[in-house]
PDB file of all heavy atoms in Angstrom:
ATOM      1  N   GLU A   1       0.858  -1.172   0.000  1.00  0.00           N
ATOM      2  CA  GLU A   1       0.000   0.000   0.000  1.00  0.00           C
ATOM      3  C   GLU A   1       0.900   1.230   0.000  1.00  0.00           C
ATOM      4  O   GLU A   1       2.119   1.096   0.029  1.00  0.00           O
ATOM      5  CB  GLU A   1      -0.909  -0.022   1.224  1.00  0.00           C
ATOM      6  CG  GLU A   1      -0.136   0.014   2.524  1.00  0.00           C
ATOM      7  CD  GLU A   1      -0.852   0.795   3.600  1.00  0.00           C
ATOM      8  OE1 GLU A   1      -2.044   1.071   3.470  1.00  0.00           O
ATOM      9  OE2 GLU A   1      -0.193   1.146   4.573  1.00  0.00           O
ATOM     10  N   PRO A   2       0.349   2.454  -0.022  1.00  0.00           N
ATOM     11  CA  PRO A   2       1.208   3.644  -0.050  1.00  0.00           C
ATOM     12  C   PRO A   2       2.200   3.752   1.112  1.00  0.00           C
ATOM     13  O   PRO A   2       3.269   4.326   0.957  1.00  0.00           O
ATOM     14  CB  PRO A   2       0.210   4.803  -0.031  1.00  0.00           C
ATOM     15  CG  PRO A   2      -0.989   4.238  -0.734  1.00  0.00           C
ATOM     16  CD  PRO A   2      -1.061   2.805  -0.258  1.00  0.00           C
ATOM     17  N   ALA A   3       1.882   3.201   2.267  1.00  0.00           N
ATOM     18  CA  ALA A   3       2.805   3.233   3.417  1.00  0.00           C
ATOM     19  C   ALA A   3       3.636   1.956   3.426  1.00  0.00           C
ATOM     20  O   ALA A   3       3.492   1.103   4.285  1.00  0.00           O
ATOM     21  CB  ALA A   3       2.019   3.381   4.714  1.00  0.00           C
ATOM     22  N   TYR A   4       4.534   1.828   2.470  1.00  0.00           N
ATOM     23  CA  TYR A   4       5.313   0.598   2.310  1.00  0.00           C
ATOM     24  C   TYR A   4       6.635   0.657   3.067  1.00  0.00           C
ATOM     25  O   TYR A   4       7.116   1.718   3.455  1.00  0.00           O
ATOM     26  CB  TYR A   4       5.591   0.344   0.829  1.00  0.00           C
ATOM     27  CG  TYR A   4       6.356   1.456   0.153  1.00  0.00           C
ATOM     28  CD1 TYR A   4       7.735   1.470   0.143  1.00  0.00           C
ATOM     29  CD2 TYR A   4       5.685   2.502  -0.467  1.00  0.00           C
ATOM     30  CE1 TYR A   4       8.441   2.488  -0.462  1.00  0.00           C
ATOM     31  CE2 TYR A   4       6.379   3.527  -1.076  1.00  0.00           C
ATOM     32  CZ  TYR A   4       7.758   3.517  -1.074  1.00  0.00           C
ATOM     33  OH  TYR A   4       8.445   4.529  -1.685  1.00  0.00           O
ATOM     34  N   ALA A   5       7.236  -0.502   3.239  1.00  0.00           N
ATOM     35  CA  ALA A   5       8.550  -0.604   3.875  1.00  0.00           C
ATOM     36  C   ALA A   5       9.643  -0.423   2.830  1.00  0.00           C
ATOM     37  O   ALA A   5       9.560  -0.990   1.741  1.00  0.00           O
ATOM     38  CB  ALA A   5       8.713  -1.960   4.543  1.00  0.00           C
ATOM     39  N   THR A   6      10.656   0.352   3.152  1.00  0.00           N
ATOM     40  CA  THR A   6      11.798   0.471   2.248  1.00  0.00           C
ATOM     41  C   THR A   6      12.848  -0.581   2.566  1.00  0.00           C
ATOM     42  O   THR A   6      13.599  -0.980   1.694  1.00  0.00           O
ATOM     43  CB  THR A   6      12.434   1.873   2.327  1.00  0.00           C
ATOM     44  OG1 THR A   6      12.790   2.137   3.679  1.00  0.00           O
ATOM     45  CG2 THR A   6      11.469   2.932   1.820  1.00  0.00           C
ATOM     46  N   ALA A   7      12.906  -1.022   3.792  1.00  0.00           N
ATOM     47  CA  ALA A   7      13.851  -2.065   4.195  1.00  0.00           C
ATOM     48  C   ALA A   7      13.052  -3.270   4.681  1.00  0.00           C
ATOM     49  O   ALA A   7      12.202  -3.148   5.565  1.00  0.00           O
ATOM     50  CB  ALA A   7      14.764  -1.557   5.295  1.00  0.00           C
ATOM     51  N   PHE A   8      13.305  -4.427   4.079  1.00  0.00           N
ATOM     52  CA  PHE A   8      12.626  -5.642   4.512  1.00  0.00           C
ATOM     53  C   PHE A   8      13.414  -6.866   4.084  1.00  0.00           C
ATOM     54  O   PHE A   8      14.289  -6.791   3.230  1.00  0.00           O
ATOM     55  CB  PHE A   8      11.186  -5.715   3.984  1.00  0.00           C
ATOM     56  CG  PHE A   8      11.069  -5.776   2.489  1.00  0.00           C
ATOM     57  CD1 PHE A   8      11.025  -7.004   1.829  1.00  0.00           C
ATOM     58  CD2 PHE A   8      10.992  -4.617   1.731  1.00  0.00           C
ATOM     59  CE1 PHE A   8      10.908  -7.056   0.449  1.00  0.00           C
ATOM     60  CE2 PHE A   8      10.875  -4.668   0.357  1.00  0.00           C
ATOM     61  CZ  PHE A   8      10.834  -5.889  -0.290  1.00  0.00           C
ATOM     62  N   GLN A   9      13.089  -7.985   4.706  1.00  0.00           N
ATOM     63  CA  GLN A   9      13.689  -9.271   4.385  1.00  0.00           C
ATOM     64  C   GLN A   9      12.583 -10.290   4.150  1.00  0.00           C
ATOM     65  O   GLN A   9      11.508 -10.181   4.727  1.00  0.00           O
ATOM     66  CB  GLN A   9      14.555  -9.783   5.538  1.00  0.00           C
ATOM     67  CG  GLN A   9      15.718  -8.911   5.880  1.00  0.00           C
ATOM     68  CD  GLN A   9      16.450  -9.440   7.108  1.00  0.00           C
ATOM     69  OE1 GLN A   9      15.945 -10.249   7.870  1.00  0.00           O
ATOM     70  NE2 GLN A   9      17.670  -8.961   7.291  1.00  0.00           N
ATOM     71  N   ILE A  10      12.891 -11.277   3.345  1.00  0.00           N
ATOM     72  CA  ILE A  10      12.039 -12.458   3.209  1.00  0.00           C
ATOM     73  C   ILE A  10      12.873 -13.623   3.714  1.00  0.00           C
ATOM     74  O   ILE A  10      13.999 -13.844   3.251  1.00  0.00           O
ATOM     75  CB  ILE A  10      11.585 -12.671   1.760  1.00  0.00           C
ATOM     76  CG1 ILE A  10      10.715 -11.493   1.329  1.00  0.00           C
ATOM     77  CG2 ILE A  10      10.833 -14.002   1.637  1.00  0.00           C
ATOM     78  CD1 ILE A  10      10.288 -11.536  -0.116  1.00  0.00           C
ATOM     79  N   GLN A  11      12.326 -14.333   4.698  1.00  0.00           N
ATOM     80  CA  GLN A  11      13.024 -15.454   5.303  1.00  0.00           C
ATOM     81  C   GLN A  11      12.143 -16.686   5.231  1.00  0.00           C
ATOM     82  O   GLN A  11      10.918 -16.582   5.245  1.00  0.00           O
ATOM     83  CB  GLN A  11      13.362 -15.147   6.763  1.00  0.00           C
ATOM     84  CG  GLN A  11      14.263 -13.945   6.923  1.00  0.00           C
ATOM     85  CD  GLN A  11      14.536 -13.626   8.386  1.00  0.00           C
ATOM     86  OE1 GLN A  11      13.745 -13.936   9.273  1.00  0.00           O
ATOM     87  NE2 GLN A  11      15.677 -13.005   8.637  1.00  0.00           N
ATOM     88  N   VAL A  12      12.766 -17.854   5.175  1.00  0.00           N
ATOM     89  CA  VAL A  12      12.044 -19.123   5.127  1.00  0.00           C
ATOM     90  C   VAL A  12      12.552 -20.045   6.223  1.00  0.00           C
ATOM     91  O   VAL A  12      13.684 -19.919   6.674  1.00  0.00           O
ATOM     92  CB  VAL A  12      12.171 -19.803   3.743  1.00  0.00           C
ATOM     93  CG1 VAL A  12      11.543 -18.952   2.655  1.00  0.00           C
ATOM     94  CG2 VAL A  12      13.622 -20.106   3.416  1.00  0.00           C
ATOM     95  N   SER A  13      11.688 -20.964   6.610  1.00  0.00           N
ATOM     96  CA  SER A  13      12.046 -21.959   7.612  1.00  0.00           C
ATOM     97  C   SER A  13      11.132 -23.165   7.449  1.00  0.00           C
ATOM     98  O   SER A  13       9.984 -23.030   7.034  1.00  0.00           O
ATOM     99  CB  SER A  13      11.877 -21.388   9.021  1.00  0.00           C
ATOM    100  OG  SER A  13      12.136 -22.395   9.990  1.00  0.00           O
ATOM    101  N   ALA A  14      11.650 -24.330   7.781  1.00  0.00           N
ATOM    102  CA  ALA A  14      10.825 -25.540   7.770  1.00  0.00           C
ATOM    103  C   ALA A  14       9.941 -25.610   9.015  1.00  0.00           C
ATOM    104  O   ALA A  14       9.005 -26.406   9.069  1.00  0.00           O
ATOM    105  CB  ALA A  14      11.701 -26.783   7.677  1.00  0.00           C
ATOM    106  N   ALA A  15      10.225 -24.770  10.013  1.00  0.00           N
ATOM    107  CA  ALA A  15       9.443 -24.741  11.248  1.00  0.00           C
ATOM    108  C   ALA A  15       9.183 -23.295  11.647  1.00  0.00           C
ATOM    109  O   ALA A  15      10.021 -22.424  11.412  1.00  0.00           O
ATOM    110  CB  ALA A  15      10.192 -25.463  12.365  1.00  0.00           C
ATOM    111  N   ALA A  16       8.057 -23.046  12.256  1.00  0.00           N
ATOM    112  CA  ALA A  16       7.681 -21.675  12.633  1.00  0.00           C
ATOM    113  C   ALA A  16       8.626 -21.059  13.650  1.00  0.00           C
ATOM    114  O   ALA A  16       8.661 -19.851  13.806  1.00  0.00           O
ATOM    115  CB  ALA A  16       6.254 -21.664  13.179  1.00  0.00           C
ATOM    116  N   THR A  17       9.409 -21.876  14.316  1.00  0.00           N
ATOM    117  CA  THR A  17      10.341 -21.383  15.322  1.00  0.00           C
ATOM    118  C   THR A  17      11.758 -21.240  14.782  1.00  0.00           C
ATOM    119  O   THR A  17      12.667 -20.888  15.514  1.00  0.00           O
ATOM    120  CB  THR A  17      10.358 -22.328  16.531  1.00  0.00           C
ATOM    121  OG1 THR A  17      10.695 -23.636  16.084  1.00  0.00           O
ATOM    122  CG2 THR A  17       9.014 -22.346  17.227  1.00  0.00           C
ATOM    123  N   GLY A  18      11.955 -21.504  13.479  1.00  0.00           N
ATOM    124  CA  GLY A  18      13.280 -21.391  12.870  1.00  0.00           C
ATOM    125  C   GLY A  18      13.997 -22.726  12.877  1.00  0.00           C
ATOM    126  O   GLY A  18      13.395 -23.738  13.197  1.00  0.00           O
ATOM    127  N   PRO A  19      15.223 -22.730  12.482  1.00  0.00           N
ATOM    128  CA  PRO A  19      16.037 -21.573  12.122  1.00  0.00           C
ATOM    129  C   PRO A  19      15.563 -20.940  10.812  1.00  0.00           C
ATOM    130  O   PRO A  19      15.021 -21.618   9.946  1.00  0.00           O
ATOM    131  CB  PRO A  19      17.450 -22.150  11.967  1.00  0.00           C
ATOM    132  CG  PRO A  19      17.232 -23.565  11.579  1.00  0.00           C
ATOM    133  CD  PRO A  19      15.963 -23.982  12.286  1.00  0.00           C
ATOM    134  N   TRP A  20      15.780 -19.630  10.674  1.00  0.00           N
ATOM    135  CA  TRP A  20      15.341 -18.855   9.524  1.00  0.00           C
ATOM    136  C   TRP A  20      16.501 -18.628   8.564  1.00  0.00           C
ATOM    137  O   TRP A  20      17.616 -18.353   8.988  1.00  0.00           O
ATOM    138  CB  TRP A  20      14.769 -17.511   9.980  1.00  0.00           C
ATOM    139  CG  TRP A  20      13.541 -17.694  10.803  1.00  0.00           C
ATOM    140  CD1 TRP A  20      13.465 -17.766  12.164  1.00  0.00           C
ATOM    141  CD2 TRP A  20      12.221 -17.873  10.322  1.00  0.00           C
ATOM    142  NE1 TRP A  20      12.174 -17.964  12.565  1.00  0.00           N
ATOM    143  CE2 TRP A  20      11.378 -18.037  11.438  1.00  0.00           C
ATOM    144  CE3 TRP A  20      11.647 -17.902   9.055  1.00  0.00           C
ATOM    145  CZ2 TRP A  20      10.011 -18.228  11.324  1.00  0.00           C
ATOM    146  CZ3 TRP A  20      10.284 -18.089   8.948  1.00  0.00           C
ATOM    147  CH2 TRP A  20       9.485 -18.251  10.064  1.00  0.00           C
ATOM    148  N   THR A  21      16.218 -18.729   7.278  1.00  0.00           N
ATOM    149  CA  THR A  21      17.205 -18.471   6.233  1.00  0.00           C
ATOM    150  C   THR A  21      16.747 -17.261   5.435  1.00  0.00           C
ATOM    151  O   THR A  21      15.623 -17.234   4.927  1.00  0.00           O
ATOM    152  CB  THR A  21      17.341 -19.689   5.289  1.00  0.00           C
ATOM    153  OG1 THR A  21      17.733 -20.814   6.067  1.00  0.00           O
ATOM    154  CG2 THR A  21      18.360 -19.430   4.198  1.00  0.00           C
ATOM    155  N   ASN A  22      17.620 -16.291   5.319  1.00  0.00           N
ATOM    156  CA  ASN A  22      17.306 -15.086   4.573  1.00  0.00           C
ATOM    157  C   ASN A  22      17.444 -15.373   3.074  1.00  0.00           C
ATOM    158  O   ASN A  22      18.513 -15.757   2.623  1.00  0.00           O
ATOM    159  CB  ASN A  22      18.273 -13.964   4.997  1.00  0.00           C
ATOM    160  CG  ASN A  22      17.762 -12.603   4.654  1.00  0.00           C
ATOM    161  OD1 ASN A  22      16.567 -12.403   4.515  1.00  0.00           O
ATOM    162  ND2 ASN A  22      18.659 -11.657   4.535  1.00  0.00           N
ATOM    163  N   VAL A  23      16.355 -15.209   2.295  1.00  0.00           N
ATOM    164  CA  VAL A  23      16.414 -15.451   0.846  1.00  0.00           C
ATOM    165  C   VAL A  23      16.302 -14.170   0.036  1.00  0.00           C
ATOM    166  O   VAL A  23      16.526 -14.171  -1.168  1.00  0.00           O
ATOM    167  CB  VAL A  23      15.339 -16.463   0.389  1.00  0.00           C
ATOM    168  CG1 VAL A  23      15.604 -17.831   0.995  1.00  0.00           C
ATOM    169  CG2 VAL A  23      13.934 -15.989   0.710  1.00  0.00           C
ATOM    170  N   TYR A  24      15.954 -13.070   0.696  1.00  0.00           N
ATOM    171  CA  TYR A  24      15.904 -11.776   0.013  1.00  0.00           C
ATOM    172  C   TYR A  24      16.014 -10.679   1.057  1.00  0.00           C
ATOM    173  O   TYR A  24      15.443 -10.785   2.140  1.00  0.00           O
ATOM    174  CB  TYR A  24      14.600 -11.606  -0.768  1.00  0.00           C
ATOM    175  CG  TYR A  24      14.537 -10.289  -1.502  1.00  0.00           C
ATOM    176  CD1 TYR A  24      15.175 -10.124  -2.724  1.00  0.00           C
ATOM    177  CD2 TYR A  24      13.873  -9.200  -0.954  1.00  0.00           C
ATOM    178  CE1 TYR A  24      15.141  -8.908  -3.390  1.00  0.00           C
ATOM    179  CE2 TYR A  24      13.838  -7.982  -1.615  1.00  0.00           C
ATOM    180  CZ  TYR A  24      14.476  -7.846  -2.829  1.00  0.00           C
ATOM    181  OH  TYR A  24      14.454  -6.636  -3.480  1.00  0.00           O
ATOM    182  N   SER A  25      16.728  -9.621   0.712  1.00  0.00           N
ATOM    183  CA  SER A  25      16.883  -8.488   1.610  1.00  0.00           C
ATOM    184  C   SER A  25      17.078  -7.228   0.786  1.00  0.00           C
ATOM    185  O   SER A  25      17.769  -7.254  -0.237  1.00  0.00           O
ATOM    186  CB  SER A  25      18.100  -8.715   2.515  1.00  0.00           C
ATOM    187  OG  SER A  25      18.239  -7.650   3.420  1.00  0.00           O
ATOM    188  N   THR A  26      16.460  -6.125   1.219  1.00  0.00           N
ATOM    189  CA  THR A  26      16.669  -4.840   0.558  1.00  0.00           C
ATOM    190  C   THR A  26      16.561  -3.719   1.580  1.00  0.00           C
ATOM    191  O   THR A  26      15.883  -3.864   2.598  1.00  0.00           O
ATOM    192  CB  THR A  26      15.670  -4.597  -0.590  1.00  0.00           C
ATOM    193  OG1 THR A  26      16.037  -3.395  -1.281  1.00  0.00           O
ATOM    194  CG2 THR A  26      14.246  -4.469  -0.091  1.00  0.00           C
ATOM    195  N   THR A  27      17.226  -2.639   1.289  1.00  0.00           N
ATOM    196  CA  THR A  27      17.078  -1.408   2.069  1.00  0.00           C
ATOM    197  C   THR A  27      16.594  -0.277   1.167  1.00  0.00           C
ATOM    198  O   THR A  27      16.536   0.864   1.583  1.00  0.00           O
ATOM    199  CB  THR A  27      18.408  -1.004   2.728  1.00  0.00           C
ATOM    200  OG1 THR A  27      19.380  -0.823   1.701  1.00  0.00           O
ATOM    201  CG2 THR A  27      18.866  -2.032   3.731  1.00  0.00           C
ATOM    202  N   THR A  28      16.245  -0.640  -0.078  1.00  0.00           N
ATOM    203  CA  THR A  28      15.841   0.374  -1.057  1.00  0.00           C
ATOM    204  C   THR A  28      14.515   0.021  -1.727  1.00  0.00           C
ATOM    205  O   THR A  28      14.319   0.280  -2.901  1.00  0.00           O
ATOM    206  CB  THR A  28      16.936   0.548  -2.134  1.00  0.00           C
ATOM    207  OG1 THR A  28      17.163  -0.715  -2.778  1.00  0.00           O
ATOM    208  CG2 THR A  28      18.228   1.061  -1.531  1.00  0.00           C
ATOM    209  N   GLY A  29      13.584  -0.561  -0.977  1.00  0.00           N
ATOM    210  CA  GLY A  29      12.279  -0.899  -1.523  1.00  0.00           C
ATOM    211  C   GLY A  29      11.537   0.337  -1.997  1.00  0.00           C
ATOM    212  O   GLY A  29      11.652   1.407  -1.401  1.00  0.00           O
ATOM    213  N   THR A  30      10.766   0.176  -3.079  1.00  0.00           N
ATOM    214  CA  THR A  30      10.057   1.312  -3.662  1.00  0.00           C
ATOM    215  C   THR A  30       8.545   1.141  -3.678  1.00  0.00           C
ATOM    216  O   THR A  30       7.846   1.896  -4.343  1.00  0.00           O
ATOM    217  CB  THR A  30      10.550   1.555  -5.105  1.00  0.00           C
ATOM    218  OG1 THR A  30      10.321   0.360  -5.863  1.00  0.00           O
ATOM    219  CG2 THR A  30      12.017   1.922  -5.136  1.00  0.00           C
ATOM    220  N   GLY A  31       8.030   0.140  -2.959  1.00  0.00           N
ATOM    221  CA  GLY A  31       6.595  -0.078  -2.919  1.00  0.00           C
ATOM    222  C   GLY A  31       6.097  -0.738  -4.190  1.00  0.00           C
ATOM    223  O   GLY A  31       6.830  -1.437  -4.874  1.00  0.00           O
ATOM    224  N   GLY A  32       4.831  -0.500  -4.506  1.00  0.00           N
ATOM    225  CA  GLY A  32       4.259  -1.101  -5.706  1.00  0.00           C
ATOM    226  C   GLY A  32       4.022  -2.584  -5.531  1.00  0.00           C
ATOM    227  O   GLY A  32       3.635  -3.045  -4.470  1.00  0.00           O
ATOM    228  N   THR A  33       4.283  -3.350  -6.596  1.00  0.00           N
ATOM    229  CA  THR A  33       4.079  -4.791  -6.576  1.00  0.00           C
ATOM    230  C   THR A  33       5.316  -5.494  -7.114  1.00  0.00           C
ATOM    231  O   THR A  33       5.326  -6.003  -8.227  1.00  0.00           O
ATOM    232  CB  THR A  33       2.837  -5.168  -7.419  1.00  0.00           C
ATOM    233  OG1 THR A  33       1.729  -4.375  -6.991  1.00  0.00           O
ATOM    234  CG2 THR A  33       2.470  -6.636  -7.251  1.00  0.00           C
ATOM    235  N   PRO A  34       6.391  -5.523  -6.333  1.00  0.00           N
ATOM    236  CA  PRO A  34       7.588  -6.221  -6.817  1.00  0.00           C
ATOM    237  C   PRO A  34       7.407  -7.727  -6.752  1.00  0.00           C
ATOM    238  O   PRO A  34       6.725  -8.240  -5.869  1.00  0.00           O
ATOM    239  CB  PRO A  34       8.677  -5.769  -5.850  1.00  0.00           C
ATOM    240  CG  PRO A  34       7.945  -5.486  -4.586  1.00  0.00           C
ATOM    241  CD  PRO A  34       6.592  -4.949  -5.016  1.00  0.00           C
ATOM    242  N   LYS A  35       7.966  -8.420  -7.694  1.00  0.00           N
ATOM    243  CA  LYS A  35       8.004  -9.879  -7.664  1.00  0.00           C
ATOM    244  C   LYS A  35       9.442 -10.256  -7.335  1.00  0.00           C
ATOM    245  O   LYS A  35      10.343 -10.051  -8.147  1.00  0.00           O
ATOM    246  CB  LYS A  35       7.575 -10.471  -9.000  1.00  0.00           C
ATOM    247  CG  LYS A  35       7.421 -11.966  -8.954  1.00  0.00           C
ATOM    248  CD  LYS A  35       6.817 -12.488 -10.240  1.00  0.00           C
ATOM    249  CE  LYS A  35       6.610 -13.977 -10.167  1.00  0.00           C
ATOM    250  NZ  LYS A  35       6.077 -14.501 -11.417  1.00  0.00           N
TER     251      LYS A  35
END
């Protein structure tokens, strides 16, 4: 939405408690609909 995050990560895990693996990270997000 218009109030988007510029810095975010996408992490995955086989369990809800982790361990978590970072598969995407940015500090320059521009909103919209990135794939």
